[in-house]
Amino acid sequence: MSNNNAASYALDAGPRNSDELDQRARAVAAALAIIEAKAAGGSDGGIRSEFAHLSEYADKIQDALKVK
């Protein structure tokens, strides 16, 4: 990715050798994009609080993407 945002850094962080790792990297990137948007919008939740929930957000995104 050529964008200089948190999500692009997460996706470019390193090689992924499985579909599961690739899906996790994409879920983390999506969660980072959400946090980045909240921070840019002046959300009063606090960036530290958002980052504390990063893994939880990524888990929910991954679960939502599973075919049922």
PDB file of N, CA and C in Angstrom:
ATOM      1  N   MET A   1       0.850  -1.184   0.000  1.00  0.00           N
ATOM      2  CA  MET A   1       0.000   0.000   0.000  1.00  0.00           C
ATOM      3  C   MET A   1       0.887   1.235   0.000  1.00  0.00           C
ATOM      4  N   SER A   2       0.376   2.247  -0.627  1.00  0.00           N
ATOM      5  CA  SER A   2       1.183   3.458  -0.697  1.00  0.00           C
ATOM      6  C   SER A   2       0.671   4.562   0.215  1.00  0.00           C
ATOM      7  N   ASN A   3      -0.466   4.372   0.836  1.00  0.00           N
ATOM      8  CA  ASN A   3      -1.000   5.386   1.749  1.00  0.00           C
ATOM      9  C   ASN A   3      -0.171   5.428   3.022  1.00  0.00           C
ATOM     10  N   ASN A   4      -0.083   6.599   3.605  1.00  0.00           N
ATOM     11  CA  ASN A   4       0.626   6.745   4.874  1.00  0.00           C
ATOM     12  C   ASN A   4      -0.373   6.838   6.010  1.00  0.00           C
ATOM     13  N   ASN A   5      -1.103   5.770   6.242  1.00  0.00           N
ATOM     14  CA  ASN A   5      -2.044   5.743   7.352  1.00  0.00           C
ATOM     15  C   ASN A   5      -1.840   4.466   8.156  1.00  0.00           C
ATOM     16  N   ALA A   6      -2.461   4.408   9.294  1.00  0.00           N
ATOM     17  CA  ALA A   6      -2.260   3.284  10.204  1.00  0.00           C
ATOM     18  C   ALA A   6      -2.612   1.951   9.555  1.00  0.00           C
ATOM     19  N   ALA A   7      -3.683   1.919   8.799  1.00  0.00           N
ATOM     20  CA  ALA A   7      -4.103   0.667   8.173  1.00  0.00           C
ATOM     21  C   ALA A   7      -3.066   0.170   7.173  1.00  0.00           C
ATOM     22  N   SER A   8      -2.492   1.066   6.381  1.00  0.00           N
ATOM     23  CA  SER A   8      -1.498   0.630   5.398  1.00  0.00           C
ATOM     24  C   SER A   8      -0.253   0.097   6.092  1.00  0.00           C
ATOM     25  N   TYR A   9       0.133   0.698   7.205  1.00  0.00           N
ATOM     26  CA  TYR A   9       1.281   0.199   7.948  1.00  0.00           C
ATOM     27  C   TYR A   9       1.014  -1.198   8.502  1.00  0.00           C
ATOM     28  N   ALA A  10      -0.196  -1.453   8.955  1.00  0.00           N
ATOM     29  CA  ALA A  10      -0.533  -2.774   9.485  1.00  0.00           C
ATOM     30  C   ALA A  10      -0.453  -3.832   8.386  1.00  0.00           C
ATOM     31  N   LEU A  11      -0.936  -3.494   7.198  1.00  0.00           N
ATOM     32  CA  LEU A  11      -0.906  -4.458   6.103  1.00  0.00           C
ATOM     33  C   LEU A  11       0.498  -4.662   5.555  1.00  0.00           C
ATOM     34  N   ASP A  12       1.329  -3.641   5.611  1.00  0.00           N
ATOM     35  CA  ASP A  12       2.688  -3.728   5.085  1.00  0.00           C
ATOM     36  C   ASP A  12       3.693  -4.232   6.119  1.00  0.00           C
ATOM     37  N   ALA A  13       3.244  -4.559   7.316  1.00  0.00           N
ATOM     38  CA  ALA A  13       4.149  -4.859   8.429  1.00  0.00           C
ATOM     39  C   ALA A  13       5.061  -6.054   8.174  1.00  0.00           C
ATOM     40  N   GLY A  14       4.629  -6.980   7.395  1.00  0.00           N
ATOM     41  CA  GLY A  14       5.493  -8.122   7.145  1.00  0.00           C
ATOM     42  C   GLY A  14       4.786  -9.185   6.344  1.00  0.00           C
ATOM     43  N   PRO A  15       5.532 -10.185   5.935  1.00  0.00           N
ATOM     44  CA  PRO A  15       4.938 -11.248   5.131  1.00  0.00           C
ATOM     45  C   PRO A  15       3.960 -12.083   5.950  1.00  0.00           C
ATOM     46  N   ARG A  16       2.937 -12.504   5.296  1.00  0.00           N
ATOM     47  CA  ARG A  16       1.949 -13.367   5.927  1.00  0.00           C
ATOM     48  C   ARG A  16       1.940 -14.676   5.147  1.00  0.00           C
ATOM     49  N   ASN A  17       1.958 -15.766   5.850  1.00  0.00           N
ATOM     50  CA  ASN A  17       2.098 -17.043   5.172  1.00  0.00           C
ATOM     51  C   ASN A  17       0.851 -17.915   5.259  1.00  0.00           C
ATOM     52  N   SER A  18      -0.249 -17.361   5.639  1.00  0.00           N
ATOM     53  CA  SER A  18      -1.472 -18.148   5.676  1.00  0.00           C
ATOM     54  C   SER A  18      -2.673 -17.231   5.496  1.00  0.00           C
ATOM     55  N   ASP A  19      -3.752 -17.821   5.078  1.00  0.00           N
ATOM     56  CA  ASP A  19      -4.990 -17.048   4.930  1.00  0.00           C
ATOM     57  C   ASP A  19      -5.423 -16.459   6.267  1.00  0.00           C
ATOM     58  N   GLU A  20      -5.242 -17.229   7.342  1.00  0.00           N
ATOM     59  CA  GLU A  20      -5.653 -16.760   8.666  1.00  0.00           C
ATOM     60  C   GLU A  20      -4.858 -15.523   9.088  1.00  0.00           C
ATOM     61  N   LEU A  21      -3.555 -15.543   8.863  1.00  0.00           N
ATOM     62  CA  LEU A  21      -2.731 -14.389   9.210  1.00  0.00           C
ATOM     63  C   LEU A  21      -3.080 -13.191   8.345  1.00  0.00           C
ATOM     64  N   ASP A  22      -3.362 -13.440   7.076  1.00  0.00           N
ATOM     65  CA  ASP A  22      -3.743 -12.360   6.175  1.00  0.00           C
ATOM     66  C   ASP A  22      -5.074 -11.748   6.617  1.00  0.00           C
ATOM     67  N   GLN A  23      -6.021 -12.591   6.988  1.00  0.00           N
ATOM     68  CA  GLN A  23      -7.320 -12.098   7.461  1.00  0.00           C
ATOM     69  C   GLN A  23      -7.148 -11.291   8.734  1.00  0.00           C
ATOM     70  N   ARG A  24      -6.284 -11.738   9.621  1.00  0.00           N
ATOM     71  CA  ARG A  24      -6.063 -10.999  10.871  1.00  0.00           C
ATOM     72  C   ARG A  24      -5.435  -9.641  10.589  1.00  0.00           C
ATOM     73  N   ALA A  25      -4.462  -9.611   9.685  1.00  0.00           N
ATOM     74  CA  ALA A  25      -3.825  -8.337   9.335  1.00  0.00           C
ATOM     75  C   ALA A  25      -4.849  -7.365   8.747  1.00  0.00           C
ATOM     76  N   ARG A  26      -5.742  -7.866   7.927  1.00  0.00           N
ATOM     77  CA  ARG A  26      -6.777  -7.003   7.340  1.00  0.00           C
ATOM     78  C   ARG A  26      -7.775  -6.531   8.400  1.00  0.00           C
ATOM     79  N   ALA A  27      -8.106  -7.395   9.350  1.00  0.00           N
ATOM     80  CA  ALA A  27      -9.022  -7.000  10.424  1.00  0.00           C
ATOM     81  C   ALA A  27      -8.386  -5.940  11.317  1.00  0.00           C
ATOM     82  N   VAL A  28      -7.104  -6.103  11.623  1.00  0.00           N
ATOM     83  CA  VAL A  28      -6.401  -5.109  12.429  1.00  0.00           C
ATOM     84  C   VAL A  28      -6.311  -3.790  11.664  1.00  0.00           C
ATOM     85  N   ALA A  29      -6.040  -3.877  10.360  1.00  0.00           N
ATOM     86  CA  ALA A  29      -5.976  -2.661   9.541  1.00  0.00           C
ATOM     87  C   ALA A  29      -7.318  -1.939   9.530  1.00  0.00           C
ATOM     88  N   ALA A  30      -8.400  -2.689   9.432  1.00  0.00           N
ATOM     89  CA  ALA A  30      -9.729  -2.074   9.451  1.00  0.00           C
ATOM     90  C   ALA A  30     -10.005  -1.431  10.812  1.00  0.00           C
ATOM     91  N   ALA A  31      -9.623  -2.119  11.884  1.00  0.00           N
ATOM     92  CA  ALA A  31      -9.818  -1.564  13.224  1.00  0.00           C
ATOM     93  C   ALA A  31      -9.001  -0.287  13.403  1.00  0.00           C
ATOM     94  N   LEU A  32      -7.775  -0.285  12.882  1.00  0.00           N
ATOM     95  CA  LEU A  32      -6.942   0.921  12.957  1.00  0.00           C
ATOM     96  C   LEU A  32      -7.563   2.067  12.169  1.00  0.00           C
ATOM     97  N   ALA A  33      -8.148   1.759  11.030  1.00  0.00           N
ATOM     98  CA  ALA A  33      -8.804   2.802  10.229  1.00  0.00           C
ATOM     99  C   ALA A  33      -9.984   3.407  10.984  1.00  0.00           C
ATOM    100  N   ILE A  34     -10.718   2.572  11.701  1.00  0.00           N
ATOM    101  CA  ILE A  34     -11.841   3.067  12.505  1.00  0.00           C
ATOM    102  C   ILE A  34     -11.322   3.974  13.621  1.00  0.00           C
ATOM    103  N   ILE A  35     -10.282   3.541  14.308  1.00  0.00           N
ATOM    104  CA  ILE A  35      -9.693   4.346  15.385  1.00  0.00           C
ATOM    105  C   ILE A  35      -9.164   5.658  14.823  1.00  0.00           C
ATOM    106  N   GLU A  36      -8.502   5.581  13.671  1.00  0.00           N
ATOM    107  CA  GLU A  36      -7.962   6.784  13.039  1.00  0.00           C
ATOM    108  C   GLU A  36      -9.086   7.776  12.693  1.00  0.00           C
ATOM    109  N   ALA A  37     -10.190   7.264  12.184  1.00  0.00           N
ATOM    110  CA  ALA A  37     -11.325   8.127  11.844  1.00  0.00           C
ATOM    111  C   ALA A  37     -11.933   8.762  13.094  1.00  0.00           C
ATOM    112  N   LYS A  38     -12.041   7.982  14.155  1.00  0.00           N
ATOM    113  CA  LYS A  38     -12.567   8.526  15.411  1.00  0.00           C
ATOM    114  C   LYS A  38     -11.666   9.628  15.950  1.00  0.00           C
ATOM    115  N   ALA A  39     -10.352   9.403  15.880  1.00  0.00           N
ATOM    116  CA  ALA A  39      -9.402  10.399  16.385  1.00  0.00           C
ATOM    117  C   ALA A  39      -9.461  11.672  15.540  1.00  0.00           C
ATOM    118  N   ALA A  40      -9.590  11.528  14.239  1.00  0.00           N
ATOM    119  CA  ALA A  40      -9.653  12.688  13.349  1.00  0.00           C
ATOM    120  C   ALA A  40     -10.939  13.473  13.551  1.00  0.00           C
ATOM    121  N   GLY A  41     -11.983  12.765  13.963  1.00  0.00           N
ATOM    122  CA  GLY A  41     -13.269  13.405  14.185  1.00  0.00           C
ATOM    123  C   GLY A  41     -13.400  14.044  15.552  1.00  0.00           C
ATOM    124  N   GLY A  42     -12.359  13.976  16.342  1.00  0.00           N
ATOM    125  CA  GLY A  42     -12.395  14.595  17.661  1.00  0.00           C
ATOM    126  C   GLY A  42     -13.225  13.822  18.667  1.00  0.00           C
ATOM    127  N   SER A  43     -13.323  12.521  18.478  1.00  0.00           N
ATOM    128  CA  SER A  43     -14.078  11.698  19.418  1.00  0.00           C
ATOM    129  C   SER A  43     -13.536  11.898  20.830  1.00  0.00           C
ATOM    130  N   ASP A  44     -14.427  12.048  21.782  1.00  0.00           N
ATOM    131  CA  ASP A  44     -13.993  12.316  23.155  1.00  0.00           C
ATOM    132  C   ASP A  44     -13.662  11.044  23.927  1.00  0.00           C
ATOM    133  N   GLY A  45     -13.678   9.883  23.251  1.00  0.00           N
ATOM    134  CA  GLY A  45     -13.379   8.616  23.918  1.00  0.00           C
ATOM    135  C   GLY A  45     -11.923   8.465  24.297  1.00  0.00           C
ATOM    136  N   GLY A  46     -11.052   9.181  23.644  1.00  0.00           N
ATOM    137  CA  GLY A  46      -9.627   9.098  23.949  1.00  0.00           C
ATOM    138  C   GLY A  46      -8.938   8.027  23.142  1.00  0.00           C
ATOM    139  N   ILE A  47      -7.828   8.389  22.546  1.00  0.00           N
ATOM    140  CA  ILE A  47      -7.096   7.471  21.674  1.00  0.00           C
ATOM    141  C   ILE A  47      -6.529   6.287  22.450  1.00  0.00           C
ATOM    142  N   ARG A  48      -6.109   6.502  23.681  1.00  0.00           N
ATOM    143  CA  ARG A  48      -5.576   5.385  24.485  1.00  0.00           C
ATOM    144  C   ARG A  48      -6.653   4.334  24.726  1.00  0.00           C
ATOM    145  N   SER A  49      -7.841   4.791  25.002  1.00  0.00           N
ATOM    146  CA  SER A  49      -8.950   3.869  25.215  1.00  0.00           C
ATOM    147  C   SER A  49      -9.241   3.077  23.945  1.00  0.00           C
ATOM    148  N   GLU A  50      -9.199   3.757  22.809  1.00  0.00           N
ATOM    149  CA  GLU A  50      -9.460   3.080  21.535  1.00  0.00           C
ATOM    150  C   GLU A  50      -8.404   2.012  21.268  1.00  0.00           C
ATOM    151  N   PHE A  51      -7.127   2.354  21.471  1.00  0.00           N
ATOM    152  CA  PHE A  51      -6.071   1.379  21.235  1.00  0.00           C
ATOM    153  C   PHE A  51      -6.139   0.221  22.213  1.00  0.00           C
ATOM    154  N   ALA A  52      -6.644   0.454  23.400  1.00  0.00           N
ATOM    155  CA  ALA A  52      -6.807  -0.623  24.368  1.00  0.00           C
ATOM    156  C   ALA A  52      -7.804  -1.666  23.862  1.00  0.00           C
ATOM    157  N   HIS A  53      -8.688  -1.254  22.968  1.00  0.00           N
ATOM    158  CA  HIS A  53      -9.716  -2.145  22.422  1.00  0.00           C
ATOM    159  C   HIS A  53      -9.396  -2.630  21.011  1.00  0.00           C
ATOM    160  N   LEU A  54      -8.200  -2.349  20.513  1.00  0.00           N
ATOM    161  CA  LEU A  54      -7.833  -2.703  19.141  1.00  0.00           C
ATOM    162  C   LEU A  54      -8.058  -4.180  18.841  1.00  0.00           C
ATOM    163  N   SER A  55      -7.557  -5.048  19.699  1.00  0.00           N
ATOM    164  CA  SER A  55      -7.694  -6.491  19.473  1.00  0.00           C
ATOM    165  C   SER A  55      -9.166  -6.910  19.483  1.00  0.00           C
ATOM    166  N   GLU A  56      -9.926  -6.332  20.391  1.00  0.00           N
ATOM    167  CA  GLU A  56     -11.358  -6.637  20.466  1.00  0.00           C
ATOM    168  C   GLU A  56     -12.069  -6.207  19.179  1.00  0.00           C
ATOM    169  N   TYR A  57     -11.748  -5.021  18.686  1.00  0.00           N
ATOM    170  CA  TYR A  57     -12.344  -4.552  17.430  1.00  0.00           C
ATOM    171  C   TYR A  57     -11.972  -5.487  16.287  1.00  0.00           C
ATOM    172  N   ALA A  58     -10.700  -5.882  16.218  1.00  0.00           N
ATOM    173  CA  ALA A  58     -10.253  -6.777  15.148  1.00  0.00           C
ATOM    174  C   ALA A  58     -10.963  -8.127  15.247  1.00  0.00           C
ATOM    175  N   ASP A  59     -11.143  -8.642  16.461  1.00  0.00           N
ATOM    176  CA  ASP A  59     -11.870  -9.899  16.648  1.00  0.00           C
ATOM    177  C   ASP A  59     -13.288  -9.789  16.101  1.00  0.00           C
ATOM    178  N   LYS A  60     -13.957  -8.701  16.411  1.00  0.00           N
ATOM    179  CA  LYS A  60     -15.337  -8.510  15.957  1.00  0.00           C
ATOM    180  C   LYS A  60     -15.402  -8.379  14.442  1.00  0.00           C
ATOM    181  N   ILE A  61     -14.431  -7.698  13.852  1.00  0.00           N
ATOM    182  CA  ILE A  61     -14.398  -7.562  12.399  1.00  0.00           C
ATOM    183  C   ILE A  61     -14.180  -8.928  11.755  1.00  0.00           C
ATOM    184  N   GLN A  62     -13.237  -9.709  12.289  1.00  0.00           N
ATOM    185  CA  GLN A  62     -13.006 -11.048  11.756  1.00  0.00           C
ATOM    186  C   GLN A  62     -14.250 -11.915  11.868  1.00  0.00           C
ATOM    187  N   ASP A  63     -14.911 -11.876  13.003  1.00  0.00           N
ATOM    188  CA  ASP A  63     -16.133 -12.659  13.190  1.00  0.00           C
ATOM    189  C   ASP A  63     -17.216 -12.240  12.198  1.00  0.00           C
ATOM    190  N   ALA A  64     -17.323 -10.945  11.967  1.00  0.00           N
ATOM    191  CA  ALA A  64     -18.346 -10.446  11.043  1.00  0.00           C
ATOM    192  C   ALA A  64     -18.091 -10.874   9.606  1.00  0.00           C
ATOM    193  N   LEU A  65     -16.850 -11.128   9.265  1.00  0.00           N
ATOM    194  CA  LEU A  65     -16.501 -11.508   7.898  1.00  0.00           C
ATOM    195  C   LEU A  65     -16.627 -13.000   7.625  1.00  0.00           C
ATOM    196  N   LYS A  66     -16.843 -13.793   8.662  1.00  0.00           N
ATOM    197  CA  LYS A  66     -16.986 -15.236   8.478  1.00  0.00           C
ATOM    198  C   LYS A  66     -18.300 -15.550   7.783  1.00  0.00           C
ATOM    199  N   VAL A  67     -18.239 -16.464   6.833  1.00  0.00           N
ATOM    200  CA  VAL A  67     -19.435 -16.897   6.127  1.00  0.00           C
ATOM    201  C   VAL A  67     -20.203 -17.846   7.032  1.00  0.00           C
ATOM    202  N   LYS A  68     -21.495 -17.584   7.148  1.00  0.00           N
ATOM    203  CA  LYS A  68     -22.326 -18.413   8.037  1.00  0.00           C
ATOM    204  C   LYS A  68     -23.302 -19.230   7.239  1.00  0.00           C
TER     205      LYS A  68
END
